[in-house]
């Protein structure tokens, strides 16, 4: 099927690759179907695009590429909602806010997007430690491989 996207125009996707966010994303609760669109296999970033509304799309990044010691635990409630059976089913992303100067861009470490890659279920989780995981972590100070 073809969808219109915020950043790439019209693209063809497979129905089987659509992710379900039961509660949507914070601020966008009415949209529950998204797809992850890779940009380049050498880049630790992708696009999380709503399949329901063209204008709802986010640049997301693999957080460990920007902050190598990034880690968080999922609650039992989160694991249940994501229907996780094994850690190997988990993929985590964070929303990036891109600036003209890439080093000034930020990633949202406070609210990772967690995806069960097997069941195609996603959820954005808000962590409790905003000092350790800032909402706007500057990529310019990142110490991961994506620097």
Foldseek 3Di string as FASTA:
>chain_A
DWAQAQPPGIDDDDPVQWAFACQAAVVPRVFGTWGWAQDDPVAQWTKTTGRVDRNDMFIKGQVCQFAVPQDDDDDPVRCVQQVDDDPVQKGKIWTKDADPPRQQIFTQQQWIWIHRNVVRYIYTHGHDDCVVGPGGHGSNPTDHNND
